[in-house]
Amino acid sequence: MRFLLASAALVFAHTATAETVSLRVLGQPVGSGLIQQQMEQPFFEDFASKSGLDASVEYLPIDMAGIPDTDGMRVLRSGLFDIVSVRGPQVSRDEPTMLGLDLVGLNPDYEAGKAHVAAFLPTVDSAVQERFNAKLLGVWPAGPQVLFCKPEISGLSDLEGLKVRVGDQSAAAFVGQFGATGVPLPFGEVQQSLARGVVDCAITGPASANSAGWPEVTTSVLPIALQLAMNGYAINLDSWNELDAEQQDKLQSAMDMLVGDIWAYSEELYTDAMNCNTGQEPCVHGTSYDLEMLDVSEADQAAVANALVESSLPAWTSQCNAVNASCEADWMSSVGAELGL
């Protein structure tokens, strides 16, 4: 009898262990700022209660893992991590369809960003599933991408001859219109590159720049939104298919909640970070600096508005069609139709 009870206990323990969902999660870089620190990491560290799943999560920021942020899609395909917090601009070199969510000139504000993500996300998800054996769980913006410069400038026309750190090919095509050279650099290398003169200017969100200390090595910021820097969460399809339908629903619902919270938090951070970077109040979440905030001219506003059809869309479609034959047609029938193109 004692033997039977012990055997039953072992079987029960094995069953309970088997039901626990174990997930390895590769997160945003710690240096990218408060979205990673205040939203993403706490969520995954408390994932079981957030999702209602019997789950064990191992969370590791990508910079602490020693993995380049350009390799997010390859990591997903390899199965090394189950869920990856994908940095959209950086991984667009591997999956250019991703960039169709956030071309320069496409998303001047959060409202436009939400509409265009909803329109094109099914196409992006299909491409990611086919080429990287992964499923997109949601997409969110790091925030409006603005220009920080070390040399004195007054507007976009002064970029001629300068080297500008860009996050993706769309931004590189845009700054090239003004005679600048777009330089792709991992986020963690930008602050030192600005300090050493490897690049003269760099594009990112105000909150990320503040967290990474960019105002320490630059003199001015041009507050014109080039992009929203769409990032997202994706899960390896093998890991997803191991879950039953109820577990999948709970995981997706939890990710929807996180993504929605980040959209709202990103917008809150933008205003506060611009205040912090330029020494204004209130400055709640960041370090106060004294960057000069440049006036945005009508010419610069027009340049960004026209960039979609003049530079970023043509540059992107030629690249995207090379790996996804229907890429341009899918974009035009969804986002393009909304814009009346």
C-alpha atoms as a PDB file:
ATOM      1  CA  MET A   1       0.000   0.000   0.000  1.00  0.00           C
ATOM      2  CA  ARG A   2       2.790   2.379   0.947  1.00  0.00           C
ATOM      3  CA  PHE A   3       4.515   1.556  -2.348  1.00  0.00           C
ATOM      4  CA  LEU A   4       1.337   2.292  -4.321  1.00  0.00           C
ATOM      5  CA  LEU A   5       0.878   5.644  -2.581  1.00  0.00           C
ATOM      6  CA  ALA A   6       4.488   6.587  -3.276  1.00  0.00           C
ATOM      7  CA  SER A   7       4.109   5.601  -6.926  1.00  0.00           C
ATOM      8  CA  ALA A   8       0.929   7.636  -7.241  1.00  0.00           C
ATOM      9  CA  ALA A   9       2.679  10.639  -5.715  1.00  0.00           C
ATOM     10  CA  LEU A  10       5.502  10.325  -8.226  1.00  0.00           C
ATOM     11  CA  VAL A  11       3.067  10.125 -11.125  1.00  0.00           C
ATOM     12  CA  PHE A  12       1.178  13.180  -9.838  1.00  0.00           C
ATOM     13  CA  ALA A  13       4.412  15.152  -9.424  1.00  0.00           C
ATOM     14  CA  HIS A  14       5.502  14.255 -12.936  1.00  0.00           C
ATOM     15  CA  THR A  15       2.115  15.277 -14.365  1.00  0.00           C
ATOM     16  CA  ALA A  16       2.177  18.611 -12.536  1.00  0.00           C
ATOM     17  CA  THR A  17       5.683  19.314 -13.768  1.00  0.00           C
ATOM     18  CA  ALA A  18       4.738  18.395 -17.322  1.00  0.00           C
ATOM     19  CA  GLU A  19       1.882  20.884 -17.290  1.00  0.00           C
ATOM     20  CA  THR A  20       4.115  23.789 -16.322  1.00  0.00           C
ATOM     21  CA  VAL A  21       4.929  25.966 -19.337  1.00  0.00           C
ATOM     22  CA  SER A  22       8.631  26.807 -19.460  1.00  0.00           C
ATOM     23  CA  LEU A  23       9.577  29.812 -21.592  1.00  0.00           C
ATOM     24  CA  ARG A  24      12.901  31.410 -22.372  1.00  0.00           C
ATOM     25  CA  VAL A  25      12.417  35.082 -23.254  1.00  0.00           C
ATOM     26  CA  LEU A  26      14.990  37.334 -24.952  1.00  0.00           C
ATOM     27  CA  GLY A  27      14.175  40.947 -24.081  1.00  0.00           C
ATOM     28  CA  GLN A  28      14.979  44.476 -25.179  1.00  0.00           C
ATOM     29  CA  PRO A  29      18.409  45.889 -24.260  1.00  0.00           C
ATOM     30  CA  VAL A  30      18.609  47.253 -20.717  1.00  0.00           C
ATOM     31  CA  GLY A  31      20.166  50.408 -22.162  1.00  0.00           C
ATOM     32  CA  SER A  32      17.151  51.090 -24.386  1.00  0.00           C
ATOM     33  CA  GLY A  33      15.293  52.629 -21.473  1.00  0.00           C
ATOM     34  CA  LEU A  34      12.191  52.598 -19.356  1.00  0.00           C
ATOM     35  CA  ILE A  35       9.935  50.463 -21.543  1.00  0.00           C
ATOM     36  CA  GLN A  36      12.299  47.568 -20.957  1.00  0.00           C
ATOM     37  CA  GLN A  37      12.934  48.424 -17.324  1.00  0.00           C
ATOM     38  CA  GLN A  38       9.446  49.387 -16.157  1.00  0.00           C
ATOM     39  CA  MET A  39       7.127  47.433 -18.457  1.00  0.00           C
ATOM     40  CA  GLU A  40       8.714  44.470 -20.193  1.00  0.00           C
ATOM     41  CA  GLN A  41      10.986  42.923 -17.570  1.00  0.00           C
ATOM     42  CA  PRO A  42       8.510  43.191 -14.655  1.00  0.00           C
ATOM     43  CA  PHE A  43       5.798  41.667 -16.857  1.00  0.00           C
ATOM     44  CA  PHE A  44       7.835  38.601 -17.753  1.00  0.00           C
ATOM     45  CA  GLU A  45       9.211  38.192 -14.235  1.00  0.00           C
ATOM     46  CA  ASP A  46       5.586  38.045 -13.023  1.00  0.00           C
ATOM     47  CA  PHE A  47       4.288  36.245 -16.096  1.00  0.00           C
ATOM     48  CA  ALA A  48       2.425  33.466 -14.288  1.00  0.00           C
ATOM     49  CA  SER A  49       0.138  35.851 -12.424  1.00  0.00           C
ATOM     50  CA  LYS A  50      -0.213  38.190 -15.419  1.00  0.00           C
ATOM     51  CA  SER A  51      -1.249  35.406 -17.770  1.00  0.00           C
ATOM     52  CA  GLY A  52      -2.971  32.923 -15.487  1.00  0.00           C
ATOM     53  CA  LEU A  53      -0.700  30.226 -16.887  1.00  0.00           C
ATOM     54  CA  ASP A  54       1.210  27.728 -14.806  1.00  0.00           C
ATOM     55  CA  ALA A  55       4.435  29.069 -16.265  1.00  0.00           C
ATOM     56  CA  SER A  56       8.112  29.366 -15.505  1.00  0.00           C
ATOM     57  CA  VAL A  57       9.898  32.152 -17.392  1.00  0.00           C
ATOM     58  CA  GLU A  58      13.611  32.783 -17.812  1.00  0.00           C
ATOM     59  CA  TYR A  59      14.001  36.405 -18.969  1.00  0.00           C
ATOM     60  CA  LEU A  60      17.259  37.803 -20.355  1.00  0.00           C
ATOM     61  CA  PRO A  61      17.845  41.220 -22.000  1.00  0.00           C
ATOM     62  CA  ILE A  62      19.517  40.860 -25.373  1.00  0.00           C
ATOM     63  CA  ASP A  63      22.555  42.979 -24.475  1.00  0.00           C
ATOM     64  CA  MET A  64      23.169  40.875 -21.362  1.00  0.00           C
ATOM     65  CA  ALA A  65      22.926  37.758 -23.512  1.00  0.00           C
ATOM     66  CA  GLY A  66      25.687  39.121 -25.765  1.00  0.00           C
ATOM     67  CA  ILE A  67      23.491  38.764 -28.857  1.00  0.00           C
ATOM     68  CA  PRO A  68      23.406  41.566 -31.474  1.00  0.00           C
ATOM     69  CA  ASP A  69      19.966  43.174 -31.685  1.00  0.00           C
ATOM     70  CA  THR A  70      20.047  42.573 -35.453  1.00  0.00           C
ATOM     71  CA  ASP A  71      19.840  38.815 -34.863  1.00  0.00           C
ATOM     72  CA  GLY A  72      16.406  38.645 -33.247  1.00  0.00           C
ATOM     73  CA  MET A  73      14.697  36.798 -36.098  1.00  0.00           C
ATOM     74  CA  ARG A  74      17.524  34.281 -36.415  1.00  0.00           C
ATOM     75  CA  VAL A  75      17.352  33.575 -32.688  1.00  0.00           C
ATOM     76  CA  LEU A  76      13.628  32.906 -33.052  1.00  0.00           C
ATOM     77  CA  ARG A  77      14.178  30.499 -35.924  1.00  0.00           C
ATOM     78  CA  SER A  78      16.911  28.670 -34.023  1.00  0.00           C
ATOM     79  CA  GLY A  79      14.603  27.996 -31.078  1.00  0.00           C
ATOM     80  CA  LEU A  80      17.284  29.138 -28.639  1.00  0.00           C
ATOM     81  CA  PHE A  81      14.608  31.359 -27.040  1.00  0.00           C
ATOM     82  CA  ASP A  82      10.876  30.755 -27.147  1.00  0.00           C
ATOM     83  CA  ILE A  83       9.820  34.420 -27.181  1.00  0.00           C
ATOM     84  CA  VAL A  84      11.913  37.305 -28.518  1.00  0.00           C
ATOM     85  CA  SER A  85      11.302  41.010 -28.000  1.00  0.00           C
ATOM     86  CA  VAL A  86      12.055  41.901 -31.600  1.00  0.00           C
ATOM     87  CA  ARG A  87      13.599  45.287 -32.440  1.00  0.00           C
ATOM     88  CA  GLY A  88      11.787  46.092 -35.670  1.00  0.00           C
ATOM     89  CA  PRO A  89      14.214  48.488 -37.374  1.00  0.00           C
ATOM     90  CA  GLN A  90      17.202  46.274 -36.601  1.00  0.00           C
ATOM     91  CA  VAL A  91      15.685  42.948 -37.708  1.00  0.00           C
ATOM     92  CA  SER A  92      14.254  44.493 -40.882  1.00  0.00           C
ATOM     93  CA  ARG A  93      17.530  43.625 -42.575  1.00  0.00           C
ATOM     94  CA  ASP A  94      16.578  39.949 -42.180  1.00  0.00           C
ATOM     95  CA  GLU A  95      12.834  40.460 -42.597  1.00  0.00           C
ATOM     96  CA  PRO A  96      12.201  43.638 -44.620  1.00  0.00           C
ATOM     97  CA  THR A  97       8.418  43.114 -44.506  1.00  0.00           C
ATOM     98  CA  MET A  98       8.633  44.319 -40.897  1.00  0.00           C
ATOM     99  CA  LEU A  99       9.714  47.771 -42.058  1.00  0.00           C
ATOM    100  CA  GLY A 100       6.444  48.253 -43.916  1.00  0.00           C
ATOM    101  CA  LEU A 101       4.842  49.007 -40.546  1.00  0.00           C
ATOM    102  CA  ASP A 102       6.945  52.116 -40.010  1.00  0.00           C
ATOM    103  CA  LEU A 103       8.462  53.734 -43.090  1.00  0.00           C
ATOM    104  CA  VAL A 104       9.784  57.285 -42.727  1.00  0.00           C
ATOM    105  CA  GLY A 105       6.847  59.640 -43.202  1.00  0.00           C
ATOM    106  CA  LEU A 106       4.199  56.947 -42.595  1.00  0.00           C
ATOM    107  CA  ASN A 107       3.496  57.439 -38.893  1.00  0.00           C
ATOM    108  CA  PRO A 108       3.639  61.088 -37.805  1.00  0.00           C
ATOM    109  CA  ASP A 109       1.783  60.271 -34.581  1.00  0.00           C
ATOM    110  CA  TYR A 110       0.526  57.381 -32.448  1.00  0.00           C
ATOM    111  CA  GLU A 111      -2.965  57.356 -33.946  1.00  0.00           C
ATOM    112  CA  ALA A 112      -1.571  56.859 -37.447  1.00  0.00           C
ATOM    113  CA  GLY A 113       0.786  54.200 -36.138  1.00  0.00           C
ATOM    114  CA  LYS A 114      -2.046  52.146 -34.633  1.00  0.00           C
ATOM    115  CA  ALA A 115      -4.065  52.275 -37.851  1.00  0.00           C
ATOM    116  CA  HIS A 116      -1.158  51.258 -40.064  1.00  0.00           C
ATOM    117  CA  VAL A 117      -0.040  48.454 -37.757  1.00  0.00           C
ATOM    118  CA  ALA A 118      -3.549  47.010 -37.754  1.00  0.00           C
ATOM    119  CA  ALA A 119      -3.672  47.160 -41.559  1.00  0.00           C
ATOM    120  CA  PHE A 120      -0.313  45.542 -42.324  1.00  0.00           C
ATOM    121  CA  LEU A 121       0.352  43.250 -39.351  1.00  0.00           C
ATOM    122  CA  PRO A 122      -1.311  40.177 -40.953  1.00  0.00           C
ATOM    123  CA  THR A 123       1.099  40.444 -43.898  1.00  0.00           C
ATOM    124  CA  VAL A 124       4.113  40.776 -41.589  1.00  0.00           C
ATOM    125  CA  ASP A 125       2.978  37.842 -39.452  1.00  0.00           C
ATOM    126  CA  SER A 126       2.555  35.643 -42.530  1.00  0.00           C
ATOM    127  CA  ALA A 127       6.088  36.471 -43.709  1.00  0.00           C
ATOM    128  CA  VAL A 128       7.580  35.830 -40.264  1.00  0.00           C
ATOM    129  CA  GLN A 129       5.807  32.476 -39.995  1.00  0.00           C
ATOM    130  CA  GLU A 130       6.970  31.368 -43.428  1.00  0.00           C
ATOM    131  CA  ARG A 131      10.591  32.508 -43.244  1.00  0.00           C
ATOM    132  CA  PHE A 132      11.421  32.302 -39.537  1.00  0.00           C
ATOM    133  CA  ASN A 133       9.034  29.701 -38.091  1.00  0.00           C
ATOM    134  CA  ALA A 134       7.666  32.276 -35.660  1.00  0.00           C
ATOM    135  CA  LYS A 135       4.365  33.966 -34.858  1.00  0.00           C
ATOM    136  CA  LEU A 136       3.969  37.649 -34.038  1.00  0.00           C
ATOM    137  CA  LEU A 137       2.169  38.215 -30.737  1.00  0.00           C
ATOM    138  CA  GLY A 138       1.964  42.011 -30.956  1.00  0.00           C
ATOM    139  CA  VAL A 139       3.703  45.202 -32.050  1.00  0.00           C
ATOM    140  CA  TRP A 140       4.395  48.409 -30.105  1.00  0.00           C
ATOM    141  CA  PRO A 141       6.266  51.708 -30.646  1.00  0.00           C
ATOM    142  CA  ALA A 142       9.431  52.727 -28.842  1.00  0.00           C
ATOM    143  CA  GLY A 143       8.283  56.287 -29.588  1.00  0.00           C
ATOM    144  CA  PRO A 144       8.729  59.071 -32.145  1.00  0.00           C
ATOM    145  CA  GLN A 145      12.235  58.926 -33.578  1.00  0.00           C
ATOM    146  CA  VAL A 146      13.954  62.306 -33.521  1.00  0.00           C
ATOM    147  CA  LEU A 147      17.392  63.627 -34.471  1.00  0.00           C
ATOM    148  CA  PHE A 148      20.210  64.284 -31.977  1.00  0.00           C
ATOM    149  CA  CYS A 149      23.326  66.072 -33.274  1.00  0.00           C
ATOM    150  CA  LYS A 150      26.758  66.936 -31.943  1.00  0.00           C
ATOM    151  CA  PRO A 151      27.699  69.588 -34.562  1.00  0.00           C
ATOM    152  CA  GLU A 152      25.617  72.736 -34.659  1.00  0.00           C
ATOM    153  CA  ILE A 153      22.711  72.431 -37.075  1.00  0.00           C
ATOM    154  CA  SER A 154      19.511  74.371 -37.626  1.00  0.00           C
ATOM    155  CA  GLY A 155      17.541  71.802 -39.630  1.00  0.00           C
ATOM    156  CA  LEU A 156      17.642  68.851 -41.989  1.00  0.00           C
ATOM    157  CA  SER A 157      19.417  70.795 -44.736  1.00  0.00           C
ATOM    158  CA  ASP A 158      22.502  71.046 -42.503  1.00  0.00           C
ATOM    159  CA  LEU A 159      22.974  67.270 -42.540  1.00  0.00           C
ATOM    160  CA  GLU A 160      24.938  67.442 -45.796  1.00  0.00           C
ATOM    161  CA  GLY A 161      28.279  65.697 -45.398  1.00  0.00           C
ATOM    162  CA  LEU A 162      27.454  64.374 -41.914  1.00  0.00           C
ATOM    163  CA  LYS A 163      27.312  60.764 -40.733  1.00  0.00           C
ATOM    164  CA  VAL A 164      23.976  59.882 -39.121  1.00  0.00           C
ATOM    165  CA  ARG A 165      23.264  56.747 -37.117  1.00  0.00           C
ATOM    166  CA  VAL A 166      20.073  55.182 -38.471  1.00  0.00           C
ATOM    167  CA  GLY A 167      18.008  52.236 -37.329  1.00  0.00           C
ATOM    168  CA  ASP A 168      16.994  50.936 -40.746  1.00  0.00           C
ATOM    169  CA  GLN A 169      17.223  51.375 -44.505  1.00  0.00           C
ATOM    170  CA  SER A 170      14.193  53.653 -44.638  1.00  0.00           C
ATOM    171  CA  ALA A 171      15.899  56.209 -42.421  1.00  0.00           C
ATOM    172  CA  ALA A 172      19.153  55.822 -44.365  1.00  0.00           C
ATOM    173  CA  ALA A 173      17.339  56.638 -47.617  1.00  0.00           C
ATOM    174  CA  PHE A 174      15.751  59.673 -45.978  1.00  0.00           C
ATOM    175  CA  VAL A 175      18.934  61.275 -44.607  1.00  0.00           C
ATOM    176  CA  GLY A 176      20.599  60.507 -47.933  1.00  0.00           C
ATOM    177  CA  GLN A 177      18.217  63.006 -49.530  1.00  0.00           C
ATOM    178  CA  PHE A 178      20.079  65.730 -47.626  1.00  0.00           C
ATOM    179  CA  GLY A 179      23.576  64.539 -48.512  1.00  0.00           C
ATOM    180  CA  ALA A 180      24.150  62.659 -45.248  1.00  0.00           C
ATOM    181  CA  THR A 181      25.475  59.117 -44.904  1.00  0.00           C
ATOM    182  CA  GLY A 182      23.283  56.710 -42.944  1.00  0.00           C
ATOM    183  CA  VAL A 183      25.343  54.519 -40.604  1.00  0.00           C
ATOM    184  CA  PRO A 184      23.685  51.449 -39.032  1.00  0.00           C
ATOM    185  CA  LEU A 185      24.943  50.925 -35.478  1.00  0.00           C
ATOM    186  CA  PRO A 186      23.674  48.767 -32.603  1.00  0.00           C
ATOM    187  CA  PHE A 187      22.003  50.963 -30.020  1.00  0.00           C
ATOM    188  CA  GLY A 188      24.557  50.169 -27.329  1.00  0.00           C
ATOM    189  CA  GLU A 189      27.429  51.532 -29.460  1.00  0.00           C
ATOM    190  CA  VAL A 190      25.884  54.890 -30.342  1.00  0.00           C
ATOM    191  CA  GLN A 191      26.781  56.990 -27.296  1.00  0.00           C
ATOM    192  CA  GLN A 192      30.502  56.268 -27.615  1.00  0.00           C
ATOM    193  CA  SER A 193      30.351  56.651 -31.393  1.00  0.00           C
ATOM    194  CA  LEU A 194      28.900  60.140 -30.961  1.00  0.00           C
ATOM    195  CA  ALA A 195      31.529  61.005 -28.368  1.00  0.00           C
ATOM    196  CA  ARG A 196      34.385  59.844 -30.622  1.00  0.00           C
ATOM    197  CA  GLY A 197      33.046  61.393 -33.810  1.00  0.00           C
ATOM    198  CA  VAL A 198      32.373  58.078 -35.535  1.00  0.00           C
ATOM    199  CA  VAL A 199      28.927  59.552 -36.244  1.00  0.00           C
ATOM    200  CA  ASP A 200      27.843  63.196 -36.047  1.00  0.00           C
ATOM    201  CA  CYS A 201      24.134  62.703 -35.416  1.00  0.00           C
ATOM    202  CA  ALA A 202      21.872  59.845 -34.426  1.00  0.00           C
ATOM    203  CA  ILE A 203      18.184  58.992 -34.568  1.00  0.00           C
ATOM    204  CA  THR A 204      16.207  57.438 -31.712  1.00  0.00           C
ATOM    205  CA  GLY A 205      13.377  58.161 -29.299  1.00  0.00           C
ATOM    206  CA  PRO A 206      13.891  60.836 -26.613  1.00  0.00           C
ATOM    207  CA  ALA A 207      13.393  58.399 -23.723  1.00  0.00           C
ATOM    208  CA  SER A 208      15.926  55.891 -25.081  1.00  0.00           C
ATOM    209  CA  ALA A 209      18.413  58.710 -25.746  1.00  0.00           C
ATOM    210  CA  ASN A 210      18.000  59.971 -22.200  1.00  0.00           C
ATOM    211  CA  SER A 211      18.520  56.539 -20.653  1.00  0.00           C
ATOM    212  CA  ALA A 212      21.620  55.953 -22.784  1.00  0.00           C
ATOM    213  CA  GLY A 213      23.172  59.363 -22.042  1.00  0.00           C
ATOM    214  CA  TRP A 214      23.113  60.726 -25.584  1.00  0.00           C
ATOM    215  CA  PRO A 215      22.537  64.314 -24.355  1.00  0.00           C
ATOM    216  CA  GLU A 216      25.952  64.128 -22.673  1.00  0.00           C
ATOM    217  CA  VAL A 217      27.648  63.945 -26.096  1.00  0.00           C
ATOM    218  CA  THR A 218      25.285  65.973 -28.316  1.00  0.00           C
ATOM    219  CA  THR A 219      24.271  69.625 -28.421  1.00  0.00           C
ATOM    220  CA  SER A 220      20.800  69.733 -29.970  1.00  0.00           C
ATOM    221  CA  VAL A 221      17.656  67.781 -30.774  1.00  0.00           C
ATOM    222  CA  LEU A 222      15.352  68.291 -33.747  1.00  0.00           C
ATOM    223  CA  PRO A 223      11.886  67.197 -32.508  1.00  0.00           C
ATOM    224  CA  ILE A 224      10.376  65.965 -35.748  1.00  0.00           C
ATOM    225  CA  ALA A 225       8.976  62.427 -35.790  1.00  0.00           C
ATOM    226  CA  LEU A 226      10.561  60.427 -38.595  1.00  0.00           C
ATOM    227  CA  GLN A 227       9.220  57.047 -37.442  1.00  0.00           C
ATOM    228  CA  LEU A 228       7.750  55.405 -34.329  1.00  0.00           C
ATOM    229  CA  ALA A 229      10.307  52.549 -34.147  1.00  0.00           C
ATOM    230  CA  MET A 230       7.940  49.585 -34.089  1.00  0.00           C
ATOM    231  CA  ASN A 231       9.110  46.688 -31.977  1.00  0.00           C
ATOM    232  CA  GLY A 232       7.222  43.548 -31.126  1.00  0.00           C
ATOM    233  CA  TYR A 233       6.993  40.122 -29.542  1.00  0.00           C
ATOM    234  CA  ALA A 234       7.219  36.877 -31.474  1.00  0.00           C
ATOM    235  CA  ILE A 235       7.163  33.252 -30.395  1.00  0.00           C
ATOM    236  CA  ASN A 236       8.831  30.298 -32.059  1.00  0.00           C
ATOM    237  CA  LEU A 237       6.087  28.268 -33.770  1.00  0.00           C
ATOM    238  CA  ASP A 238       7.307  24.989 -32.305  1.00  0.00           C
ATOM    239  CA  SER A 239       6.972  26.492 -28.821  1.00  0.00           C
ATOM    240  CA  TRP A 240       3.540  27.898 -29.689  1.00  0.00           C
ATOM    241  CA  ASN A 241       2.286  24.581 -31.061  1.00  0.00           C
ATOM    242  CA  GLU A 242       3.303  22.778 -27.887  1.00  0.00           C
ATOM    243  CA  LEU A 243       0.645  24.768 -26.028  1.00  0.00           C
ATOM    244  CA  ASP A 244      -2.966  23.655 -25.998  1.00  0.00           C
ATOM    245  CA  ALA A 245      -5.730  26.024 -27.150  1.00  0.00           C
ATOM    246  CA  GLU A 246      -6.464  27.330 -23.644  1.00  0.00           C
ATOM    247  CA  GLN A 247      -2.791  28.033 -22.959  1.00  0.00           C
ATOM    248  CA  GLN A 248      -2.449  29.810 -26.298  1.00  0.00           C
ATOM    249  CA  ASP A 249      -5.454  32.007 -25.505  1.00  0.00           C
ATOM    250  CA  LYS A 250      -4.072  32.926 -22.094  1.00  0.00           C
ATOM    251  CA  LEU A 251      -0.629  33.731 -23.483  1.00  0.00           C
ATOM    252  CA  GLN A 252      -2.032  35.835 -26.316  1.00  0.00           C
ATOM    253  CA  SER A 253      -4.371  37.720 -23.967  1.00  0.00           C
ATOM    254  CA  ALA A 254      -1.483  38.507 -21.638  1.00  0.00           C
ATOM    255  CA  MET A 255       0.657  39.740 -24.522  1.00  0.00           C
ATOM    256  CA  ASP A 256      -2.223  41.880 -25.810  1.00  0.00           C
ATOM    257  CA  MET A 257      -2.411  43.503 -22.380  1.00  0.00           C
ATOM    258  CA  LEU A 258       1.335  44.189 -22.295  1.00  0.00           C
ATOM    259  CA  VAL A 259       1.374  45.612 -25.819  1.00  0.00           C
ATOM    260  CA  GLY A 260      -1.580  47.900 -25.055  1.00  0.00           C
ATOM    261  CA  ASP A 261       0.090  49.144 -21.877  1.00  0.00           C
ATOM    262  CA  ILE A 262       3.322  49.880 -23.766  1.00  0.00           C
ATOM    263  CA  TRP A 263       1.494  51.928 -26.416  1.00  0.00           C
ATOM    264  CA  ALA A 264       0.106  54.177 -23.672  1.00  0.00           C
ATOM    265  CA  TYR A 265       3.386  54.304 -21.720  1.00  0.00           C
ATOM    266  CA  SER A 266       5.408  55.135 -24.844  1.00  0.00           C
ATOM    267  CA  GLU A 267       3.272  58.208 -25.477  1.00  0.00           C
ATOM    268  CA  GLU A 268       3.613  59.324 -21.855  1.00  0.00           C
ATOM    269  CA  LEU A 269       7.389  58.894 -21.947  1.00  0.00           C
ATOM    270  CA  TYR A 270       7.861  60.929 -25.119  1.00  0.00           C
ATOM    271  CA  THR A 271       6.660  64.231 -23.649  1.00  0.00           C
ATOM    272  CA  ASP A 272       8.476  63.715 -20.375  1.00  0.00           C
ATOM    273  CA  ALA A 273      11.746  62.722 -22.057  1.00  0.00           C
ATOM    274  CA  MET A 274      11.707  65.761 -24.335  1.00  0.00           C
ATOM    275  CA  ASN A 275      11.368  67.920 -21.224  1.00  0.00           C
ATOM    276  CA  CYS A 276      14.221  66.095 -19.512  1.00  0.00           C
ATOM    277  CA  ASN A 277      16.566  66.288 -22.499  1.00  0.00           C
ATOM    278  CA  THR A 278      16.084  70.038 -22.861  1.00  0.00           C
ATOM    279  CA  GLY A 279      16.075  71.006 -19.169  1.00  0.00           C
ATOM    280  CA  GLN A 280      12.362  71.725 -18.896  1.00  0.00           C
ATOM    281  CA  GLU A 281       9.775  70.704 -16.322  1.00  0.00           C
ATOM    282  CA  PRO A 282       8.113  68.433 -15.523  1.00  0.00           C
ATOM    283  CA  CYS A 283      10.907  65.871 -15.864  1.00  0.00           C
ATOM    284  CA  VAL A 284       9.680  62.812 -13.959  1.00  0.00           C
ATOM    285  CA  HIS A 285      11.218  59.709 -15.498  1.00  0.00           C
ATOM    286  CA  GLY A 286      14.651  60.759 -16.728  1.00  0.00           C
ATOM    287  CA  THR A 287      17.809  62.776 -16.139  1.00  0.00           C
ATOM    288  CA  SER A 288      17.675  66.508 -16.810  1.00  0.00           C
ATOM    289  CA  TYR A 289      20.027  67.838 -19.502  1.00  0.00           C
ATOM    290  CA  ASP A 290      20.302  71.127 -21.400  1.00  0.00           C
ATOM    291  CA  LEU A 291      20.105  70.246 -25.088  1.00  0.00           C
ATOM    292  CA  GLU A 292      18.947  72.958 -27.447  1.00  0.00           C
ATOM    293  CA  MET A 293      15.539  72.131 -28.901  1.00  0.00           C
ATOM    294  CA  LEU A 294      15.607  73.264 -32.508  1.00  0.00           C
ATOM    295  CA  ASP A 295      12.611  74.805 -34.232  1.00  0.00           C
ATOM    296  CA  VAL A 296      11.045  72.572 -36.868  1.00  0.00           C
ATOM    297  CA  SER A 297      10.726  74.521 -40.103  1.00  0.00           C
ATOM    298  CA  GLU A 298       7.903  74.152 -42.595  1.00  0.00           C
ATOM    299  CA  ALA A 299      10.458  72.842 -45.083  1.00  0.00           C
ATOM    300  CA  ASP A 300      11.496  70.068 -42.707  1.00  0.00           C
ATOM    301  CA  GLN A 301       7.877  69.152 -41.996  1.00  0.00           C
ATOM    302  CA  ALA A 302       7.206  68.957 -45.730  1.00  0.00           C
ATOM    303  CA  ALA A 303      10.320  66.833 -46.274  1.00  0.00           C
ATOM    304  CA  VAL A 304       9.164  64.226 -43.763  1.00  0.00           C
ATOM    305  CA  ALA A 305       5.604  64.253 -45.089  1.00  0.00           C
ATOM    306  CA  ASN A 306       6.855  63.733 -48.654  1.00  0.00           C
ATOM    307  CA  ALA A 307       9.493  61.156 -47.706  1.00  0.00           C
ATOM    308  CA  LEU A 308       7.070  58.251 -47.914  1.00  0.00           C
ATOM    309  CA  VAL A 309       6.528  58.506 -51.667  1.00  0.00           C
ATOM    310  CA  GLU A 310       9.847  60.152 -52.550  1.00  0.00           C
ATOM    311  CA  SER A 311      12.365  57.963 -50.762  1.00  0.00           C
ATOM    312  CA  SER A 312      11.318  55.502 -48.075  1.00  0.00           C
ATOM    313  CA  LEU A 313       8.575  53.624 -49.936  1.00  0.00           C
ATOM    314  CA  PRO A 314      10.515  53.154 -53.220  1.00  0.00           C
ATOM    315  CA  ALA A 315      13.662  52.090 -51.359  1.00  0.00           C
ATOM    316  CA  TRP A 316      11.736  49.629 -49.228  1.00  0.00           C
ATOM    317  CA  THR A 317       9.582  48.010 -51.898  1.00  0.00           C
ATOM    318  CA  SER A 318      12.531  47.059 -54.081  1.00  0.00           C
ATOM    319  CA  GLN A 319      14.209  45.374 -51.123  1.00  0.00           C
ATOM    320  CA  CYS A 320      11.059  43.749 -49.747  1.00  0.00           C
ATOM    321  CA  ASN A 321       9.871  42.384 -53.095  1.00  0.00           C
ATOM    322  CA  ALA A 322      13.192  40.601 -53.472  1.00  0.00           C
ATOM    323  CA  VAL A 323      12.349  38.287 -50.550  1.00  0.00           C
ATOM    324  CA  ASN A 324       8.559  38.496 -50.624  1.00  0.00           C
ATOM    325  CA  ALA A 325       7.132  38.767 -54.127  1.00  0.00           C
ATOM    326  CA  SER A 326       3.746  40.137 -53.011  1.00  0.00           C
ATOM    327  CA  CYS A 327       5.178  42.583 -50.451  1.00  0.00           C
ATOM    328  CA  GLU A 328       4.490  45.814 -52.318  1.00  0.00           C
ATOM    329  CA  ALA A 329       1.086  44.645 -53.537  1.00  0.00           C
ATOM    330  CA  ASP A 330       0.073  43.626 -50.000  1.00  0.00           C
ATOM    331  CA  TRP A 331       1.168  46.986 -48.605  1.00  0.00           C
ATOM    332  CA  MET A 332      -0.596  48.976 -51.295  1.00  0.00           C
ATOM    333  CA  SER A 333      -3.850  47.037 -50.834  1.00  0.00           C
ATOM    334  CA  SER A 334      -3.822  47.622 -47.063  1.00  0.00           C
ATOM    335  CA  VAL A 335      -1.851  50.650 -45.848  1.00  0.00           C
ATOM    336  CA  GLY A 336      -1.672  52.246 -49.276  1.00  0.00           C
ATOM    337  CA  ALA A 337      -5.434  51.977 -49.693  1.00  0.00           C
ATOM    338  CA  GLU A 338      -5.950  53.737 -46.342  1.00  0.00           C
ATOM    339  CA  LEU A 339      -3.677  56.548 -47.484  1.00  0.00           C
ATOM    340  CA  GLY A 340      -5.306  56.827 -50.884  1.00  0.00           C
ATOM    341  CA  LEU A 341      -2.126  55.952 -52.753  1.00  0.00           C
END
